[in-house]
């Protein structure tokens, strides 16, 4: 007989992990079947660019054939402090695994560019799935990480291929600025093409194994920096959820309303958008300082203004500047918890005591903090299910060990489904 004693907190986390595995598998399978068997009500497009409130752009390289200049490209990127995304084929990984390791070790993002570089438009979907999974397997063997972005060979796609790739858990990525370096133009031509077309949210396309690309790249990076652009990996540029894609393939964020429904703030869409950005950009202390500053009639604190101004539109800034004390209190309460407790006092907002990454959040990185509140996770109240400080789980005979408090996964999954 094997008996494991779990604390309430560990049992909760273990249950969440199990739930995530079951639900993730179910969603993944359903997505693939949906992508294969259903039609689309509207035209599907990959992500060509992103509607950004800042000057972030992404530099990408497609790697499919040779590796003549891997070290040179990495040296240029390191010198300029730029991180890029490399879309590699499985065959490239087979031929040059050390190159892929060096790219990954340098902090760049490794993405899926298919296994054998096939033409996927009209491709048998079983073959497409097999090809994509094989490239994924090879990348994982070398980097230890699963890629989450996919770019098709030759930039080809159709609706079935998009649905299938996304059903496998990928974001389908194209580009909005093409260097056309594979035609081997002179460096000046490449530089002009990039500078003429790059705007905030652009995804730039280059290829490795080309001499002219390496020659043009230092000037491209220098000029784009001088123009005020900030380079990020593609996975950091795009939105992973709550977005639409317009007719040109631009990814546009659908801002989730975190302010309670029915409140007076519902009539202020620009303010709602600004609040969503505040949640991403500010620490909890800064949010509390914003609330306190407005409540005291002092407006937005200077330190907070410096942090958020680059990320907000004019309309959003105007909306924040017109905040009333009541609105600021409602916003802070919505973000910090119903009590609106100020974390600077050392007391966590109600319901966040078990939050992973609280130290990181206090240091100004709320994106690393994940609340354990059931209402945030949209799951049944596991605290009630795991009531009591210790619960013994007998994996051979749970009932014999009085293990009646162990959540029934089937029932929990049904509750999740009913909650939508």
Protein backbone atom coordinates (compact mmCIF):
# COMPACT_ATOMS: atom_id res chain seq x y z
CA UNK A 1 0.00 0.00 0.00
CA UNK A 2 1.29 3.46 -0.96
CA UNK A 3 0.10 6.37 1.16
CA UNK A 4 0.93 9.98 0.38
CA UNK A 5 0.17 12.81 2.81
CA UNK A 6 -0.51 16.15 1.17
CA UNK A 7 -0.99 19.54 2.73
CA UNK A 8 -4.09 21.44 1.72
CA UNK A 9 -2.07 23.81 -0.47
CA UNK A 10 -0.13 21.02 -2.21
CA UNK A 11 -3.27 18.99 -2.77
CA UNK A 12 -4.89 22.02 -4.36
CA UNK A 13 -1.99 22.56 -6.70
CA UNK A 14 -1.78 18.86 -7.57
CA UNK A 15 -5.46 18.85 -8.44
CA UNK A 16 -5.03 21.93 -10.63
CA UNK A 17 -2.16 20.28 -12.49
CA UNK A 18 -4.23 17.16 -13.11
CA UNK A 19 -7.15 19.28 -14.28
CA UNK A 20 -4.89 21.25 -16.61
CA UNK A 21 -3.52 18.06 -18.18
CA UNK A 22 -6.98 16.57 -18.75
CA UNK A 23 -8.53 19.78 -20.00
CA UNK A 24 -5.52 20.67 -22.16
CA UNK A 25 -5.58 17.25 -23.81
CA UNK A 26 -9.32 17.45 -24.40
CA UNK A 27 -9.12 20.95 -25.85
CA UNK A 28 -6.17 20.02 -28.09
CA UNK A 29 -7.90 16.96 -29.49
CA UNK A 30 -11.16 18.83 -30.02
CA UNK A 31 -9.33 21.67 -31.77
CA UNK A 32 -7.61 19.32 -34.20
CA UNK A 33 -10.85 17.51 -35.04
CA UNK A 34 -12.62 20.83 -35.47
CA UNK A 35 -9.88 22.09 -37.76
CA UNK A 36 -10.18 19.01 -39.94
CA UNK A 37 -13.93 18.52 -40.08
CA UNK A 38 -15.57 21.93 -39.94
CA UNK A 39 -15.91 24.82 -42.34
CA UNK A 40 -15.25 28.45 -41.54
CA UNK A 41 -17.86 31.18 -41.43
CA UNK A 42 -15.28 33.76 -42.48
CA UNK A 43 -11.90 33.81 -44.19
CA UNK A 44 -9.08 32.75 -41.90
CA UNK A 45 -5.70 34.45 -42.10
CA UNK A 46 -2.33 33.96 -40.41
CA UNK A 47 -0.83 36.73 -38.30
CA UNK A 48 1.00 39.13 -40.62
CA UNK A 49 1.47 41.98 -38.15
CA UNK A 50 0.20 43.21 -34.80
CA UNK A 51 -1.70 46.34 -33.81
CA UNK A 52 0.58 47.58 -31.03
CA UNK A 53 0.23 50.60 -28.70
CA UNK A 54 4.05 50.83 -28.64
CA UNK A 55 6.95 50.68 -31.12
CA UNK A 56 7.70 46.97 -30.78
CA UNK A 57 8.60 44.95 -33.87
CA UNK A 58 9.93 41.44 -34.44
CA UNK A 59 12.90 40.26 -36.49
CA UNK A 60 12.57 36.74 -37.94
CA UNK A 61 14.81 34.39 -39.90
CA UNK A 62 13.77 31.33 -41.90
CA UNK A 63 16.34 28.53 -41.74
CA UNK A 64 15.86 25.65 -44.15
CA UNK A 65 18.99 24.96 -46.18
CA UNK A 66 22.55 25.92 -45.22
CA UNK A 67 24.33 27.36 -42.18
CA UNK A 68 27.12 29.43 -43.70
CA UNK A 69 26.58 32.51 -41.52
CA UNK A 70 24.97 31.34 -38.28
CA UNK A 71 27.84 32.56 -36.12
CA UNK A 72 28.00 35.89 -37.97
CA UNK A 73 24.26 36.52 -37.52
CA UNK A 74 24.44 35.66 -33.84
CA UNK A 75 27.42 37.98 -33.36
CA UNK A 76 25.58 40.88 -35.05
CA UNK A 77 22.44 40.33 -32.98
CA UNK A 78 24.45 40.15 -29.76
CA UNK A 79 26.37 43.31 -30.60
CA UNK A 80 23.10 45.22 -31.11
CA UNK A 81 21.31 43.63 -28.14
CA UNK A 82 18.55 42.21 -30.33
CA UNK A 83 16.61 38.98 -29.80
CA UNK A 84 15.04 37.41 -32.88
CA UNK A 85 12.87 34.44 -33.81
CA UNK A 86 14.33 31.66 -35.96
CA UNK A 87 11.87 29.47 -37.88
CA UNK A 88 13.74 26.22 -38.49
CA UNK A 89 12.80 23.12 -40.44
CA UNK A 90 13.24 19.65 -39.00
CA UNK A 91 15.75 18.90 -41.75
CA UNK A 92 17.79 21.94 -40.68
CA UNK A 93 17.78 20.61 -37.12
CA UNK A 94 18.95 17.22 -38.41
CA UNK A 95 21.84 18.76 -40.35
CA UNK A 96 22.89 21.49 -37.91
CA UNK A 97 21.79 20.62 -34.36
CA UNK A 98 24.71 22.57 -32.87
CA UNK A 99 23.60 25.71 -34.71
CA UNK A 100 20.10 25.38 -33.28
CA UNK A 101 21.56 24.88 -29.80
CA UNK A 102 23.69 28.02 -30.14
CA UNK A 103 20.74 30.06 -31.41
CA UNK A 104 18.60 28.88 -28.52
CA UNK A 105 21.37 29.34 -25.94
CA UNK A 106 21.81 32.95 -27.12
CA UNK A 107 18.23 33.67 -26.04
CA UNK A 108 16.55 33.67 -29.43
CA UNK A 109 13.19 32.02 -30.06
CA UNK A 110 13.06 28.76 -32.02
CA UNK A 111 9.89 28.23 -34.05
CA UNK A 112 8.49 25.54 -36.37
CA UNK A 113 9.02 25.93 -40.14
CA UNK A 114 7.79 22.40 -41.03
CA UNK A 115 9.91 19.27 -41.22
CA UNK A 116 10.63 18.75 -44.92
CA UNK A 117 9.63 22.21 -46.28
CA UNK A 118 6.60 20.98 -48.27
CA UNK A 119 3.97 23.04 -50.06
CA UNK A 120 1.05 22.88 -47.63
CA UNK A 121 -1.76 24.50 -49.65
CA UNK A 122 -4.16 21.64 -50.37
CA UNK A 123 -1.88 19.20 -48.58
CA UNK A 124 -3.41 16.08 -47.06
CA UNK A 125 -4.12 17.11 -43.48
CA UNK A 126 -2.81 13.89 -41.97
CA UNK A 127 0.49 14.53 -43.75
CA UNK A 128 0.49 18.14 -42.58
CA UNK A 129 -0.03 17.04 -38.97
CA UNK A 130 2.71 14.41 -39.29
CA UNK A 131 5.17 16.88 -40.85
CA UNK A 132 4.48 19.54 -38.21
CA UNK A 133 4.77 17.10 -35.31
CA UNK A 134 8.04 15.68 -36.65
CA UNK A 135 9.64 19.13 -36.79
CA UNK A 136 8.30 19.80 -33.30
CA UNK A 137 9.83 16.57 -32.00
CA UNK A 138 13.26 17.40 -33.43
CA UNK A 139 13.22 20.95 -32.06
CA UNK A 140 12.27 19.69 -28.61
CA UNK A 141 15.07 17.11 -28.62
CA UNK A 142 17.64 19.83 -29.25
CA UNK A 143 16.24 22.77 -27.25
CA UNK A 144 14.15 21.05 -24.59
CA UNK A 145 11.26 23.40 -25.39
CA UNK A 146 8.13 22.94 -27.48
CA UNK A 147 7.77 25.56 -30.23
CA UNK A 148 4.51 27.52 -30.21
CA UNK A 149 4.83 29.45 -33.49
CA UNK A 150 4.57 28.06 -37.02
CA UNK A 151 5.50 29.55 -40.38
CA UNK A 152 4.69 27.66 -43.53
CA UNK A 153 7.21 27.05 -46.32
CA UNK A 154 6.90 29.53 -49.20
CA UNK A 155 4.33 31.44 -47.14
CA UNK A 156 1.58 29.13 -48.41
CA UNK A 157 -1.64 28.42 -46.57
CA UNK A 158 -5.35 27.79 -46.95
CA UNK A 159 -8.14 27.74 -44.40
CA UNK A 160 -7.82 24.04 -43.64
CA UNK A 161 -4.08 24.31 -43.04
CA UNK A 162 -4.55 27.30 -40.72
CA UNK A 163 -7.24 25.51 -38.70
CA UNK A 164 -5.12 22.37 -38.49
CA UNK A 165 -1.93 24.14 -37.42
CA UNK A 166 -3.77 26.22 -34.84
CA UNK A 167 -5.56 23.09 -33.67
CA UNK A 168 -2.13 21.64 -32.91
CA UNK A 169 -1.52 24.52 -30.53
CA UNK A 170 0.43 26.90 -32.78
CA UNK A 171 0.06 30.51 -33.83
CA UNK A 172 0.34 30.69 -37.62
CA UNK A 173 2.84 33.48 -38.39
CA UNK A 174 3.49 35.26 -41.68
CA UNK A 175 5.29 38.60 -42.12
CA UNK A 176 4.46 42.17 -43.09
CA UNK A 177 7.92 43.39 -44.17
CA UNK A 178 9.86 41.19 -46.59
CA UNK A 179 13.56 41.82 -47.21
CA UNK A 180 13.34 39.51 -50.27
CA UNK A 181 16.96 38.74 -49.44
CA UNK A 182 16.74 35.35 -51.15
CA UNK A 183 16.87 37.19 -54.49
CA UNK A 184 20.31 38.40 -53.37
CA UNK A 185 19.85 42.14 -53.85
CA UNK A 186 22.62 44.47 -52.68
CA UNK A 187 22.58 45.48 -48.99
CA UNK A 188 21.37 49.01 -49.79
CA UNK A 189 18.23 47.60 -51.43
CA UNK A 190 17.49 45.42 -48.41
CA UNK A 191 17.96 48.36 -46.04
CA UNK A 192 15.60 50.58 -48.06
CA UNK A 193 12.90 47.90 -48.24
CA UNK A 194 12.95 47.44 -44.48
CA UNK A 195 13.05 51.13 -43.59
CA UNK A 196 10.29 52.07 -46.06
CA UNK A 197 7.75 49.56 -44.70
CA UNK A 198 8.44 48.98 -41.02
CA UNK A 199 5.81 50.32 -38.62
CA UNK A 200 4.94 49.42 -35.01
CA UNK A 201 3.86 45.77 -34.85
CA UNK A 202 5.73 44.75 -38.03
CA UNK A 203 7.11 41.23 -38.45
CA UNK A 204 10.27 41.36 -40.55
CA UNK A 205 11.36 38.44 -42.74
CA UNK A 206 14.98 37.52 -43.45
CA UNK A 207 16.75 34.25 -44.27
CA UNK A 208 19.96 32.80 -42.94
CA UNK A 209 22.74 31.44 -45.15
CA UNK A 210 22.85 34.61 -47.29
CA UNK A 211 25.87 36.90 -47.47
CA UNK A 212 23.88 40.01 -48.39
CA UNK A 213 21.63 39.57 -45.32
CA UNK A 214 24.60 39.58 -42.97
CA UNK A 215 26.00 42.63 -44.74
CA UNK A 216 22.75 44.61 -44.48
CA UNK A 217 21.72 43.54 -40.98
CA UNK A 218 23.93 45.86 -38.86
CA UNK A 219 22.69 48.97 -40.68
CA UNK A 220 19.08 47.75 -40.54
CA UNK A 221 19.26 47.28 -36.78
CA UNK A 222 21.00 50.61 -36.23
CA UNK A 223 18.51 52.61 -38.30
CA UNK A 224 15.45 50.93 -36.83
CA UNK A 225 16.72 51.63 -33.32
CA UNK A 226 17.34 55.25 -34.25
CA UNK A 227 13.77 55.42 -35.56
CA UNK A 228 12.54 54.42 -32.10
CA UNK A 229 11.66 50.77 -32.70
CA UNK A 230 12.11 48.10 -30.02
CA UNK A 231 12.95 44.53 -31.03
CA UNK A 232 11.18 41.61 -29.34
CA UNK A 233 10.74 37.94 -30.13
CA UNK A 234 7.62 37.17 -32.16
CA UNK A 235 6.09 35.31 -29.24
CA UNK A 236 6.37 38.53 -27.23
CA UNK A 237 4.98 40.71 -30.02
CA UNK A 238 1.75 38.86 -30.71
CA UNK A 239 -1.29 38.43 -28.47
CA UNK A 240 -1.90 34.87 -27.35
CA UNK A 241 -5.61 35.36 -26.64
CA UNK A 242 -8.46 37.86 -26.88
CA UNK A 243 -7.74 39.08 -30.40
CA UNK A 244 -9.16 39.30 -33.90
CA UNK A 245 -7.34 39.33 -37.25
CA UNK A 246 -8.46 41.90 -39.80
CA UNK A 247 -8.62 41.57 -43.59
CA UNK A 248 -4.93 42.44 -43.90
CA UNK A 249 -3.78 39.86 -41.36
CA UNK A 250 -3.19 42.39 -38.59
CA UNK A 251 -3.78 40.99 -35.13
CA UNK A 252 -5.95 43.34 -33.09
CA UNK A 253 -6.47 42.93 -29.40
CA UNK A 254 -9.95 42.50 -27.97
CA UNK A 255 -9.60 44.06 -24.55
CA UNK A 256 -11.23 42.06 -21.78
CA UNK A 257 -13.23 44.11 -19.35
CA UNK A 258 -11.90 43.55 -15.85
CA UNK A 259 -14.15 46.21 -14.34
CA UNK A 260 -17.32 44.70 -12.84
CA UNK A 261 -20.24 44.67 -15.29
CA UNK A 262 -22.93 47.22 -14.73
CA UNK A 263 -20.62 49.80 -13.19
CA UNK A 264 -20.40 53.41 -14.27
CA UNK A 265 -17.10 52.67 -16.06
CA UNK A 266 -18.80 50.55 -18.73
CA UNK A 267 -19.47 53.71 -20.73
CA UNK A 268 -15.76 54.49 -21.09
CA UNK A 269 -14.16 52.03 -23.60
CA UNK A 270 -10.86 53.96 -23.75
CA UNK A 271 -10.63 53.80 -19.96
CA UNK A 272 -11.35 50.07 -19.98
CA UNK A 273 -8.55 49.54 -22.51
CA UNK A 274 -6.20 51.67 -20.41
CA UNK A 275 -7.00 49.62 -17.30
CA UNK A 276 -6.13 46.41 -19.13
CA UNK A 277 -2.75 47.88 -20.03
CA UNK A 278 -2.22 49.03 -16.45
CA UNK A 279 -2.74 45.48 -15.30
CA UNK A 280 0.02 44.30 -17.62
CA UNK A 281 2.49 47.09 -17.03
CA UNK A 282 2.22 48.19 -13.40
CA UNK A 283 3.09 46.51 -10.15
CA UNK A 284 0.37 46.28 -7.53
CA UNK A 285 2.06 49.01 -5.48
CA UNK A 286 1.95 51.32 -8.52
CA UNK A 287 -1.74 50.61 -9.06
CA UNK A 288 -2.41 51.46 -5.42
CA UNK A 289 -0.31 54.64 -5.81
CA UNK A 290 -2.40 55.63 -8.84
CA UNK A 291 -5.57 55.18 -6.82
CA UNK A 292 -4.22 57.13 -3.86
CA UNK A 293 -2.92 59.96 -6.03
CA UNK A 294 -6.24 60.45 -7.76
CA UNK A 295 -8.16 60.15 -4.50
CA UNK A 296 -5.97 62.89 -3.00
CA UNK A 297 -6.62 65.16 -5.97
CA UNK A 298 -2.99 64.94 -7.11
CA UNK A 299 -3.70 63.04 -10.33
CA UNK A 300 -1.48 60.31 -11.75
CA UNK A 301 1.84 60.08 -9.85
CA UNK A 302 4.84 61.09 -11.98
CA UNK A 303 6.58 57.72 -11.56
CA UNK A 304 3.45 55.89 -12.75
CA UNK A 305 2.99 58.28 -15.68
CA UNK A 306 6.53 57.59 -16.89
CA UNK A 307 5.86 53.84 -16.82
CA UNK A 308 2.56 53.87 -18.70
CA UNK A 309 2.75 56.78 -21.15
CA UNK A 310 4.68 54.89 -23.89
CA UNK A 311 2.07 52.14 -23.90
CA UNK A 312 -1.16 54.15 -24.09
CA UNK A 313 -2.90 55.93 -26.94
CA UNK A 314 -3.91 59.58 -26.70
CA UNK A 315 -7.52 58.59 -26.01
CA UNK A 316 -6.46 56.21 -23.25
CA UNK A 317 -4.19 58.82 -21.64
CA UNK A 318 -7.00 61.38 -21.76
CA UNK A 319 -9.37 58.90 -20.15
CA UNK A 320 -6.92 58.27 -17.31
CA UNK A 321 -6.26 61.97 -16.81
CA UNK A 322 -10.00 62.52 -16.26
CA UNK A 323 -10.36 59.80 -13.64
CA UNK A 324 -12.55 60.63 -10.68
CA UNK A 325 -11.69 59.40 -7.19
CA UNK A 326 -14.62 56.95 -7.35
CA UNK A 327 -13.44 55.54 -10.67
CA UNK A 328 -9.88 55.15 -9.42
CA UNK A 329 -11.15 53.32 -6.35
CA UNK A 330 -13.28 51.00 -8.52
CA UNK A 331 -10.32 50.23 -10.79
CA UNK A 332 -7.96 49.52 -7.91
CA UNK A 333 -10.54 47.33 -6.20
CA UNK A 334 -11.10 45.40 -9.41
CA UNK A 335 -7.38 44.73 -9.88
CA UNK A 336 -6.24 44.35 -6.29
CA UNK A 337 -9.24 42.40 -5.07
CA UNK A 338 -12.58 43.35 -3.62
CA UNK A 339 -10.96 44.82 -0.52
CA UNK A 340 -8.64 47.04 -2.55
CA UNK A 341 -5.88 46.26 -0.06
CA UNK A 342 -2.63 48.09 -0.68
CA UNK A 343 0.17 45.48 -1.09
CA UNK A 344 2.71 48.10 0.03
CA UNK A 345 1.43 47.55 3.57
CA UNK A 346 2.64 43.97 3.38
CA UNK A 347 -0.88 42.54 3.39
CA UNK A 348 -1.89 40.66 0.27
CA UNK A 349 -5.31 41.33 -1.28
CA UNK A 350 -7.90 38.80 -0.20
CA UNK A 351 -7.64 35.51 -2.07
CA UNK A 352 -4.04 35.96 -3.23
CA UNK A 353 -2.21 34.37 -0.31
CA UNK A 354 -1.24 31.30 -2.33
CA UNK A 355 -0.34 33.21 -5.46
CA UNK A 356 2.73 31.88 -7.25
CA UNK A 357 5.25 34.56 -8.14
CA UNK A 358 4.06 37.19 -5.63
CA UNK A 359 7.65 38.33 -5.05
CA UNK A 360 8.07 38.90 -8.78
CA UNK A 361 4.80 40.80 -8.91
CA UNK A 362 5.91 43.10 -6.10
CA UNK A 363 9.06 43.81 -8.09
CA UNK A 364 6.99 45.10 -10.97
CA UNK A 365 6.36 41.93 -12.95
CA UNK A 366 2.67 41.13 -12.50
CA UNK A 367 2.76 39.00 -15.64
CA UNK A 368 4.69 36.38 -13.64
CA UNK A 369 2.03 36.20 -10.95
CA UNK A 370 -0.84 33.75 -11.23
CA UNK A 371 -3.71 34.07 -8.77
CA UNK A 372 -5.10 30.93 -7.22
CA UNK A 373 -8.55 32.41 -6.71
CA UNK A 374 -11.18 30.02 -8.02
CA UNK A 375 -13.14 32.82 -9.66
CA UNK A 376 -10.01 33.83 -11.60
CA UNK A 377 -9.41 30.27 -12.77
CA UNK A 378 -13.09 29.57 -13.40
CA UNK A 379 -13.00 26.26 -11.52
CA UNK A 380 -15.00 24.84 -8.62
CA UNK A 381 -14.01 25.93 -5.12
CA UNK A 382 -11.25 23.43 -4.40
CA UNK A 383 -10.57 24.94 -0.96
CA UNK A 384 -13.95 23.65 0.15
CA UNK A 385 -13.34 20.27 -1.49
CA UNK A 386 -9.99 19.97 0.26
CA UNK A 387 -11.20 21.27 3.62
CA UNK A 388 -8.94 20.34 6.54
CA UNK A 389 -5.18 20.78 7.01
CA UNK A 390 -4.09 17.29 5.96
CA UNK A 391 -5.71 14.78 3.65
CA UNK A 392 -4.35 11.28 3.23
CA UNK A 393 -4.64 9.80 -0.24
CA UNK A 394 -4.43 6.03 -0.48
CA UNK A 395 -3.72 5.35 -4.15
CA UNK A 396 -4.45 1.64 -3.74
CA UNK A 397 -7.78 2.05 -1.95
CA UNK A 398 -8.80 5.71 -1.50
CA UNK A 399 -12.06 4.93 0.29
CA UNK A 400 -10.25 2.83 2.89
CA UNK A 401 -8.11 5.79 3.88
CA UNK A 402 -11.09 8.08 4.34
CA UNK A 403 -10.19 9.82 1.08
CA UNK A 404 -13.72 10.94 0.35
CA UNK A 405 -12.62 14.58 0.02
CA UNK A 406 -10.49 13.92 -3.08
CA UNK A 407 -12.17 15.83 -5.95
CA UNK A 408 -13.93 13.78 -8.60
CA UNK A 409 -12.27 14.86 -11.85
CA UNK A 410 -15.23 13.86 -13.97
CA UNK A 411 -17.56 15.98 -11.87
CA UNK A 412 -15.13 18.91 -11.90
CA UNK A 413 -14.79 18.71 -15.67
CA UNK A 414 -18.57 18.66 -16.01
CA UNK A 415 -18.79 21.74 -13.82
CA UNK A 416 -16.18 23.46 -15.95
CA UNK A 417 -18.10 22.64 -19.10
CA UNK A 418 -21.37 23.93 -17.62
CA UNK A 419 -19.63 27.19 -16.64
CA UNK A 420 -18.48 27.65 -20.22
